[in-house]
């Protein structure tokens, strides 16, 4: 099937907010629940996790309001290059999956089509030197979206509020 082109409809993003506990610490997770029933996981077979370190902390390892604004600014720049990436045929290269804030960390999760496009974009952002906070990323081949499983399991276990 190499070289085959197919048209798929991407779901419109829809978010659910969860407030949960992990390792006895609060965690706030925003999940793109539109991906729960997305049938084309094979088109986005790479799992990207971006980890941002928080500096200014309030109780329980959560960022202060000012720190949260800083993390959003850094995260927005990262998201812009990840979601702004296009494949050679002009299609979107990544889908937003979730954002988690927990234990001095903000983590961003994406499902990616072509890892080379995303890697090049993230490397260019790193080389730009615009770093208010330390961040790093990891991308793994995950055609069955197993690494997203813990996020999707939130839905039967928790009461989310639509964001």
N, C-alpha and C. Protein backbone atom coordinates (compact mmCIF):
# COMPACT_ATOMS: atom_id res chain seq x y z
N UNK A 1 0.81 -1.20 0.00
CA UNK A 1 0.00 0.00 0.00
C UNK A 1 0.85 1.26 0.00
N UNK A 2 2.14 1.11 -0.15
CA UNK A 2 3.02 2.26 -0.17
C UNK A 2 2.67 3.16 -1.34
N UNK A 3 2.67 4.47 -1.09
CA UNK A 3 2.35 5.43 -2.12
C UNK A 3 0.87 5.66 -2.29
N UNK A 4 0.06 4.89 -1.62
CA UNK A 4 -1.39 5.04 -1.72
C UNK A 4 -1.84 6.31 -1.00
N UNK A 5 -2.74 7.04 -1.63
CA UNK A 5 -3.30 8.24 -1.02
C UNK A 5 -4.75 7.97 -0.71
N UNK A 6 -5.16 8.34 0.49
CA UNK A 6 -6.56 8.21 0.85
C UNK A 6 -7.00 9.46 1.58
N UNK A 7 -8.27 9.75 1.44
CA UNK A 7 -8.83 10.93 2.08
C UNK A 7 -9.52 10.49 3.37
N UNK A 8 -9.15 11.16 4.46
CA UNK A 8 -9.82 10.88 5.72
C UNK A 8 -10.33 12.19 6.30
N UNK A 9 -11.38 12.08 7.05
CA UNK A 9 -11.93 13.25 7.74
C UNK A 9 -11.36 13.29 9.15
N UNK A 10 -10.73 14.41 9.49
CA UNK A 10 -10.21 14.58 10.84
C UNK A 10 -11.34 15.11 11.71
N UNK A 11 -11.46 14.59 12.91
CA UNK A 11 -12.53 15.06 13.79
C UNK A 11 -12.25 16.48 14.27
N UNK A 12 -13.31 17.22 14.51
CA UNK A 12 -13.17 18.54 15.10
C UNK A 12 -12.79 18.36 16.56
N UNK A 13 -11.74 19.08 17.00
CA UNK A 13 -11.28 18.95 18.38
C UNK A 13 -12.40 19.26 19.36
N UNK A 14 -12.46 18.46 20.41
CA UNK A 14 -13.41 18.67 21.50
C UNK A 14 -12.70 18.24 22.78
N UNK A 15 -12.77 19.06 23.80
CA UNK A 15 -11.94 18.84 24.98
C UNK A 15 -12.74 18.50 26.22
N UNK A 16 -12.19 17.60 27.01
CA UNK A 16 -12.74 17.27 28.32
C UNK A 16 -11.64 17.51 29.35
N UNK A 17 -12.02 18.14 30.44
CA UNK A 17 -11.09 18.48 31.51
C UNK A 17 -11.28 17.48 32.65
N UNK A 18 -10.18 16.92 33.13
CA UNK A 18 -10.19 15.99 34.26
C UNK A 18 -9.33 16.54 35.38
N UNK A 19 -9.80 16.40 36.58
CA UNK A 19 -9.03 16.69 37.77
C UNK A 19 -8.92 15.37 38.51
N UNK A 20 -7.71 14.78 38.51
CA UNK A 20 -7.50 13.46 39.09
C UNK A 20 -6.33 13.50 40.07
N UNK A 21 -6.00 12.36 40.62
CA UNK A 21 -4.87 12.23 41.52
C UNK A 21 -3.95 11.15 40.98
N UNK A 22 -2.64 11.46 40.95
CA UNK A 22 -1.63 10.48 40.56
C UNK A 22 -0.54 10.51 41.61
N UNK A 23 -0.20 9.37 42.15
CA UNK A 23 0.81 9.27 43.21
C UNK A 23 0.53 10.26 44.34
N UNK A 24 -0.73 10.36 44.74
CA UNK A 24 -1.19 11.23 45.83
C UNK A 24 -1.00 12.72 45.55
N UNK A 25 -0.80 13.09 44.29
CA UNK A 25 -0.68 14.50 43.91
C UNK A 25 -1.76 14.84 42.90
N UNK A 26 -2.24 16.09 42.91
CA UNK A 26 -3.27 16.47 41.94
C UNK A 26 -2.70 16.53 40.52
N UNK A 27 -3.55 16.16 39.57
CA UNK A 27 -3.19 16.24 38.15
C UNK A 27 -4.39 16.81 37.40
N UNK A 28 -4.13 17.77 36.56
CA UNK A 28 -5.15 18.36 35.70
C UNK A 28 -4.83 17.93 34.27
N UNK A 29 -5.80 17.31 33.60
CA UNK A 29 -5.59 16.80 32.26
C UNK A 29 -6.70 17.32 31.34
N UNK A 30 -6.29 17.85 30.21
CA UNK A 30 -7.22 18.24 29.16
C UNK A 30 -7.02 17.25 28.02
N UNK A 31 -8.11 16.58 27.62
CA UNK A 31 -8.02 15.52 26.61
C UNK A 31 -8.88 15.89 25.41
N UNK A 32 -8.33 15.69 24.23
CA UNK A 32 -9.11 15.84 23.00
C UNK A 32 -9.94 14.57 22.82
N UNK A 33 -11.16 14.60 23.37
CA UNK A 33 -11.99 13.40 23.35
C UNK A 33 -12.51 13.06 21.96
N UNK A 34 -12.33 13.95 20.98
CA UNK A 34 -12.72 13.64 19.61
C UNK A 34 -11.89 12.49 19.05
N UNK A 35 -10.73 12.21 19.66
CA UNK A 35 -9.88 11.12 19.17
C UNK A 35 -10.27 9.77 19.76
N UNK A 36 -11.20 9.74 20.70
CA UNK A 36 -11.60 8.47 21.31
C UNK A 36 -12.08 7.46 20.27
N UNK A 37 -12.83 7.92 19.30
CA UNK A 37 -13.40 7.02 18.30
C UNK A 37 -12.76 7.23 16.92
N UNK A 38 -11.58 7.84 16.88
CA UNK A 38 -10.92 8.11 15.61
C UNK A 38 -10.49 6.79 14.98
N UNK A 39 -11.01 6.46 13.79
CA UNK A 39 -10.74 5.14 13.21
C UNK A 39 -9.42 5.02 12.46
N UNK A 40 -8.70 6.12 12.26
CA UNK A 40 -7.51 6.09 11.41
C UNK A 40 -6.22 6.22 12.21
N UNK A 41 -6.12 5.46 13.28
CA UNK A 41 -4.92 5.54 14.11
C UNK A 41 -3.66 5.18 13.32
N UNK A 42 -3.82 4.34 12.30
CA UNK A 42 -2.68 3.94 11.48
C UNK A 42 -2.07 5.09 10.69
N UNK A 43 -2.83 6.17 10.48
CA UNK A 43 -2.34 7.32 9.73
C UNK A 43 -1.46 8.20 10.62
N UNK A 44 -1.65 8.14 11.92
CA UNK A 44 -0.87 8.92 12.89
C UNK A 44 -0.23 7.95 13.88
N UNK A 45 0.74 7.13 13.42
CA UNK A 45 1.25 6.03 14.24
C UNK A 45 2.37 6.38 15.22
N UNK A 46 2.68 7.65 15.38
CA UNK A 46 3.76 8.05 16.28
C UNK A 46 3.19 8.81 17.47
N UNK A 47 3.66 8.47 18.66
CA UNK A 47 3.23 9.12 19.90
C UNK A 47 4.33 10.09 20.33
N UNK A 48 3.96 11.37 20.44
CA UNK A 48 4.90 12.41 20.86
C UNK A 48 4.52 12.90 22.25
N UNK A 49 5.51 12.90 23.13
CA UNK A 49 5.34 13.47 24.48
C UNK A 49 6.37 14.57 24.64
N UNK A 50 5.89 15.77 24.97
CA UNK A 50 6.76 16.90 25.25
C UNK A 50 6.66 17.19 26.73
N UNK A 51 7.79 17.29 27.39
CA UNK A 51 7.83 17.51 28.84
C UNK A 51 8.43 18.89 29.11
N UNK A 52 7.68 19.72 29.85
CA UNK A 52 8.15 21.05 30.26
C UNK A 52 8.31 21.04 31.77
N UNK A 53 9.42 21.56 32.26
CA UNK A 53 9.65 21.63 33.69
C UNK A 53 9.15 22.96 34.24
N UNK A 54 8.33 22.88 35.28
CA UNK A 54 7.84 24.09 35.95
C UNK A 54 8.87 24.53 36.99
N UNK A 55 8.99 25.85 37.19
CA UNK A 55 9.94 26.38 38.17
C UNK A 55 9.24 26.91 39.41
N UNK A 56 8.30 27.81 39.22
CA UNK A 56 7.61 28.46 40.33
C UNK A 56 6.40 27.62 40.72
N UNK A 57 6.44 27.05 41.92
CA UNK A 57 5.41 26.09 42.30
C UNK A 57 4.58 26.57 43.49
N UNK A 58 3.33 26.18 43.47
CA UNK A 58 2.43 26.39 44.59
C UNK A 58 2.34 25.06 45.34
N UNK A 59 1.19 24.80 45.91
CA UNK A 59 1.02 23.55 46.67
C UNK A 59 1.04 22.32 45.77
N UNK A 60 1.51 21.23 46.30
CA UNK A 60 1.45 19.92 45.66
C UNK A 60 2.12 19.85 44.29
N UNK A 61 3.14 20.67 44.07
CA UNK A 61 3.87 20.61 42.82
C UNK A 61 3.18 21.26 41.63
N UNK A 62 2.07 21.94 41.88
CA UNK A 62 1.35 22.61 40.79
C UNK A 62 1.97 24.00 40.55
N UNK A 63 1.94 24.48 39.30
CA UNK A 63 2.53 25.79 39.01
C UNK A 63 1.69 26.92 39.59
N UNK A 64 2.38 28.01 39.96
CA UNK A 64 1.67 29.21 40.38
C UNK A 64 0.93 29.77 39.16
N UNK A 65 -0.01 30.70 39.35
CA UNK A 65 -0.69 31.29 38.18
C UNK A 65 0.28 31.92 37.18
N UNK A 66 1.31 32.62 37.67
CA UNK A 66 2.28 33.23 36.77
C UNK A 66 3.08 32.16 36.03
N UNK A 67 3.47 31.11 36.74
CA UNK A 67 4.20 30.01 36.12
C UNK A 67 3.33 29.31 35.07
N UNK A 68 2.07 29.15 35.38
CA UNK A 68 1.14 28.52 34.44
C UNK A 68 1.07 29.33 33.14
N UNK A 69 1.03 30.65 33.25
CA UNK A 69 1.03 31.50 32.05
C UNK A 69 2.30 31.27 31.23
N UNK A 70 3.44 31.18 31.91
CA UNK A 70 4.71 30.94 31.22
C UNK A 70 4.68 29.58 30.52
N UNK A 71 4.19 28.55 31.21
CA UNK A 71 4.11 27.22 30.61
C UNK A 71 3.19 27.21 29.40
N UNK A 72 2.08 27.96 29.48
CA UNK A 72 1.17 28.06 28.33
C UNK A 72 1.88 28.73 27.16
N UNK A 73 2.65 29.79 27.41
CA UNK A 73 3.36 30.48 26.33
C UNK A 73 4.35 29.54 25.64
N UNK A 74 5.14 28.83 26.44
CA UNK A 74 6.11 27.89 25.87
C UNK A 74 5.37 26.77 25.14
N UNK A 75 4.34 26.23 25.79
CA UNK A 75 3.54 25.16 25.18
C UNK A 75 2.88 25.59 23.89
N UNK A 76 2.41 26.84 23.84
CA UNK A 76 1.77 27.35 22.62
C UNK A 76 2.77 27.40 21.46
N UNK A 77 4.02 27.79 21.74
CA UNK A 77 5.04 27.82 20.68
C UNK A 77 5.34 26.39 20.19
N UNK A 78 5.42 25.47 21.13
CA UNK A 78 5.66 24.07 20.76
C UNK A 78 4.49 23.56 19.93
N UNK A 79 3.28 23.81 20.40
CA UNK A 79 2.09 23.34 19.69
C UNK A 79 2.02 23.94 18.29
N UNK A 80 2.40 25.19 18.16
CA UNK A 80 2.36 25.86 16.85
C UNK A 80 3.24 25.12 15.84
N UNK A 81 4.45 24.72 16.25
CA UNK A 81 5.32 24.03 15.29
C UNK A 81 4.89 22.58 15.08
N UNK A 82 4.35 21.94 16.12
CA UNK A 82 3.91 20.55 15.97
C UNK A 82 2.67 20.48 15.10
N UNK A 83 1.66 21.27 15.42
CA UNK A 83 0.40 21.22 14.68
C UNK A 83 0.48 21.97 13.35
N UNK A 84 1.46 22.87 13.22
CA UNK A 84 1.61 23.61 11.98
C UNK A 84 2.31 22.82 10.89
N UNK A 85 2.93 21.71 11.29
CA UNK A 85 3.63 20.89 10.31
C UNK A 85 2.67 20.26 9.32
N UNK A 86 3.08 20.24 8.07
CA UNK A 86 2.26 19.66 7.00
C UNK A 86 3.06 18.57 6.31
N UNK A 87 2.34 17.55 5.86
CA UNK A 87 2.98 16.48 5.11
C UNK A 87 3.29 16.97 3.71
N UNK A 88 3.98 16.16 2.94
CA UNK A 88 4.31 16.52 1.57
C UNK A 88 3.09 16.75 0.70
N UNK A 89 1.96 16.17 1.07
CA UNK A 89 0.75 16.37 0.28
C UNK A 89 -0.19 17.38 0.94
N UNK A 90 0.36 18.19 1.88
CA UNK A 90 -0.39 19.32 2.44
C UNK A 90 -1.32 19.00 3.58
N UNK A 91 -1.38 17.77 4.00
CA UNK A 91 -2.28 17.38 5.08
C UNK A 91 -1.63 17.68 6.44
N UNK A 92 -2.46 17.76 7.45
CA UNK A 92 -1.99 17.96 8.81
C UNK A 92 -1.10 16.81 9.23
N UNK A 93 -0.01 17.11 9.89
CA UNK A 93 0.95 16.08 10.28
C UNK A 93 0.76 15.58 11.71
N UNK A 94 0.00 16.28 12.53
CA UNK A 94 -0.15 15.87 13.93
C UNK A 94 -1.53 16.24 14.46
N UNK A 95 -1.95 15.52 15.48
CA UNK A 95 -3.20 15.77 16.18
C UNK A 95 -2.91 15.97 17.65
N UNK A 96 -3.54 16.98 18.27
CA UNK A 96 -3.39 17.19 19.71
C UNK A 96 -4.17 16.12 20.44
N UNK A 97 -3.53 15.46 21.40
CA UNK A 97 -4.18 14.42 22.20
C UNK A 97 -4.52 14.92 23.59
N UNK A 98 -3.52 15.45 24.33
CA UNK A 98 -3.79 15.84 25.72
C UNK A 98 -2.71 16.76 26.26
N UNK A 99 -3.07 17.43 27.38
CA UNK A 99 -2.12 18.25 28.14
C UNK A 99 -2.32 17.89 29.61
N UNK A 100 -1.24 17.59 30.29
CA UNK A 100 -1.28 17.20 31.70
C UNK A 100 -0.39 18.13 32.51
N UNK A 101 -0.89 18.54 33.68
CA UNK A 101 -0.08 19.31 34.62
C UNK A 101 -0.08 18.53 35.93
N UNK A 102 1.13 18.18 36.37
CA UNK A 102 1.26 17.30 37.53
C UNK A 102 2.70 17.30 38.02
N UNK A 103 2.89 17.36 39.32
CA UNK A 103 4.19 17.15 39.97
C UNK A 103 5.34 17.88 39.28
N UNK A 104 5.23 19.21 39.22
CA UNK A 104 6.27 20.06 38.67
C UNK A 104 6.46 19.94 37.17
N UNK A 105 5.49 19.32 36.47
CA UNK A 105 5.60 19.08 35.04
C UNK A 105 4.36 19.54 34.29
N UNK A 106 4.57 19.94 33.06
CA UNK A 106 3.48 20.06 32.08
C UNK A 106 3.89 19.14 30.94
N UNK A 107 3.00 18.26 30.55
CA UNK A 107 3.28 17.35 29.45
C UNK A 107 2.24 17.55 28.36
N UNK A 108 2.71 17.57 27.12
CA UNK A 108 1.87 17.71 25.95
C UNK A 108 1.98 16.43 25.14
N UNK A 109 0.84 15.93 24.68
CA UNK A 109 0.82 14.67 23.94
C UNK A 109 0.18 14.88 22.57
N UNK A 110 0.80 14.28 21.55
CA UNK A 110 0.30 14.39 20.18
C UNK A 110 0.40 13.04 19.49
N UNK A 111 -0.43 12.86 18.47
CA UNK A 111 -0.34 11.72 17.57
C UNK A 111 0.20 12.27 16.26
N UNK A 112 1.25 11.66 15.73
CA UNK A 112 2.00 12.23 14.62
C UNK A 112 2.00 11.27 13.42
N UNK A 113 1.90 11.86 12.23
CA UNK A 113 1.95 11.08 10.99
C UNK A 113 3.39 10.82 10.58
N UNK A 114 4.15 11.87 10.30
CA UNK A 114 5.53 11.74 9.84
C UNK A 114 6.48 12.28 10.91
N UNK A 115 7.21 11.41 11.60
CA UNK A 115 8.06 11.87 12.70
C UNK A 115 9.20 12.78 12.25
N UNK A 116 9.66 12.64 11.03
CA UNK A 116 10.77 13.47 10.56
C UNK A 116 10.37 14.94 10.47
N UNK A 117 9.14 15.21 10.03
CA UNK A 117 8.64 16.58 9.94
C UNK A 117 8.58 17.19 11.34
N UNK A 118 8.01 16.45 12.28
CA UNK A 118 7.87 16.94 13.65
C UNK A 118 9.23 17.10 14.31
N UNK A 119 10.10 16.13 14.14
CA UNK A 119 11.44 16.20 14.72
C UNK A 119 12.19 17.43 14.21
N UNK A 120 12.14 17.68 12.90
CA UNK A 120 12.83 18.84 12.32
C UNK A 120 12.27 20.14 12.89
N UNK A 121 10.96 20.22 13.02
CA UNK A 121 10.32 21.44 13.55
C UNK A 121 10.71 21.67 15.00
N UNK A 122 10.71 20.62 15.80
CA UNK A 122 11.07 20.76 17.21
C UNK A 122 12.55 21.08 17.37
N UNK A 123 13.40 20.49 16.56
CA UNK A 123 14.84 20.80 16.62
C UNK A 123 15.09 22.26 16.26
N UNK A 124 14.37 22.77 15.25
CA UNK A 124 14.53 24.18 14.88
C UNK A 124 14.09 25.09 16.02
N UNK A 125 13.02 24.71 16.72
CA UNK A 125 12.57 25.50 17.87
C UNK A 125 13.61 25.46 18.99
N UNK A 126 14.17 24.31 19.25
CA UNK A 126 15.22 24.20 20.27
C UNK A 126 16.41 25.08 19.89
N UNK A 127 16.82 25.03 18.64
CA UNK A 127 17.98 25.81 18.18
C UNK A 127 17.71 27.31 18.17
N UNK A 128 16.44 27.71 18.18
CA UNK A 128 16.11 29.15 18.18
C UNK A 128 16.51 29.81 19.49
N UNK A 129 16.69 29.00 20.55
CA UNK A 129 17.13 29.52 21.84
C UNK A 129 16.04 30.21 22.65
N UNK A 130 14.81 30.14 22.23
CA UNK A 130 13.70 30.77 22.96
C UNK A 130 13.20 29.79 24.02
N UNK A 131 13.84 29.79 25.16
CA UNK A 131 13.53 28.79 26.18
C UNK A 131 13.34 29.45 27.55
N UNK A 132 12.13 29.81 27.88
CA UNK A 132 11.88 30.32 29.23
C UNK A 132 11.89 29.18 30.24
N UNK A 133 11.60 27.98 29.75
CA UNK A 133 11.61 26.80 30.60
C UNK A 133 12.27 25.65 29.84
N UNK A 134 12.93 24.79 30.60
CA UNK A 134 13.53 23.60 29.99
C UNK A 134 12.41 22.70 29.47
N UNK A 135 12.60 22.18 28.26
CA UNK A 135 11.67 21.20 27.73
C UNK A 135 12.42 20.20 26.86
N UNK A 136 11.84 19.05 26.75
CA UNK A 136 12.39 17.97 25.95
C UNK A 136 11.25 17.14 25.39
N UNK A 137 11.56 16.33 24.42
CA UNK A 137 10.51 15.51 23.83
C UNK A 137 11.00 14.11 23.52
N UNK A 138 10.02 13.23 23.37
CA UNK A 138 10.27 11.84 23.03
C UNK A 138 9.18 11.41 22.07
N UNK A 139 9.56 10.71 21.01
CA UNK A 139 8.59 10.24 20.03
C UNK A 139 8.81 8.76 19.80
N UNK A 140 7.74 7.98 19.90
CA UNK A 140 7.82 6.54 19.75
C UNK A 140 6.80 6.05 18.72
N UNK A 141 7.20 5.03 17.97
CA UNK A 141 6.28 4.42 17.02
C UNK A 141 5.23 3.65 17.83
N UNK A 142 3.97 3.96 17.61
CA UNK A 142 2.87 3.41 18.40
C UNK A 142 1.61 3.29 17.53
N UNK A 143 1.63 2.40 16.54
CA UNK A 143 0.52 2.33 15.58
C UNK A 143 -0.82 1.94 16.20
N UNK A 144 -0.83 1.29 17.34
CA UNK A 144 -2.09 0.94 18.00
C UNK A 144 -2.51 1.96 19.04
N UNK A 145 -1.74 3.04 19.19
CA UNK A 145 -2.00 4.09 20.17
C UNK A 145 -2.03 3.54 21.59
N UNK A 146 -1.19 2.55 21.87
CA UNK A 146 -1.13 1.98 23.22
C UNK A 146 -0.68 3.01 24.25
N UNK A 147 0.24 3.92 23.85
CA UNK A 147 0.73 4.92 24.80
C UNK A 147 -0.34 5.95 25.15
N UNK A 148 -1.37 6.04 24.35
CA UNK A 148 -2.49 6.94 24.66
C UNK A 148 -3.53 6.24 25.54
N UNK A 149 -3.34 4.96 25.76
CA UNK A 149 -4.32 4.18 26.51
C UNK A 149 -4.64 4.72 27.88
N UNK A 150 -3.61 5.14 28.64
CA UNK A 150 -3.87 5.64 29.99
C UNK A 150 -4.73 6.90 29.95
N UNK A 151 -4.59 7.69 28.90
CA UNK A 151 -5.39 8.91 28.76
C UNK A 151 -6.83 8.53 28.44
N UNK A 152 -7.03 7.63 27.50
CA UNK A 152 -8.38 7.24 27.12
C UNK A 152 -9.10 6.50 28.24
N UNK A 153 -8.35 5.81 29.10
CA UNK A 153 -8.98 5.11 30.22
C UNK A 153 -9.57 6.06 31.26
N UNK A 154 -9.23 7.33 31.20
CA UNK A 154 -9.83 8.30 32.12
C UNK A 154 -11.34 8.39 31.93
N UNK A 155 -11.81 8.17 30.73
CA UNK A 155 -13.23 8.40 30.45
C UNK A 155 -14.17 7.48 31.22
N UNK A 156 -13.94 6.18 31.30
CA UNK A 156 -14.88 5.38 32.11
C UNK A 156 -14.65 5.51 33.61
N UNK A 157 -13.47 6.03 34.02
CA UNK A 157 -13.13 6.05 35.44
C UNK A 157 -13.41 7.37 36.15
N UNK A 158 -13.52 8.45 35.40
CA UNK A 158 -13.62 9.76 36.03
C UNK A 158 -14.78 10.55 35.45
N UNK A 159 -15.22 11.51 36.19
CA UNK A 159 -16.25 12.43 35.70
C UNK A 159 -15.57 13.67 35.18
N UNK A 160 -15.56 13.82 33.88
CA UNK A 160 -14.93 14.99 33.27
C UNK A 160 -15.95 16.08 33.03
N UNK A 161 -15.45 17.29 32.88
CA UNK A 161 -16.29 18.42 32.52
C UNK A 161 -15.84 18.87 31.16
N UNK A 162 -16.77 19.10 30.26
CA UNK A 162 -16.40 19.56 28.93
C UNK A 162 -15.79 20.93 29.03
N UNK A 163 -14.61 21.09 28.45
CA UNK A 163 -13.89 22.36 28.50
C UNK A 163 -14.27 23.24 27.33
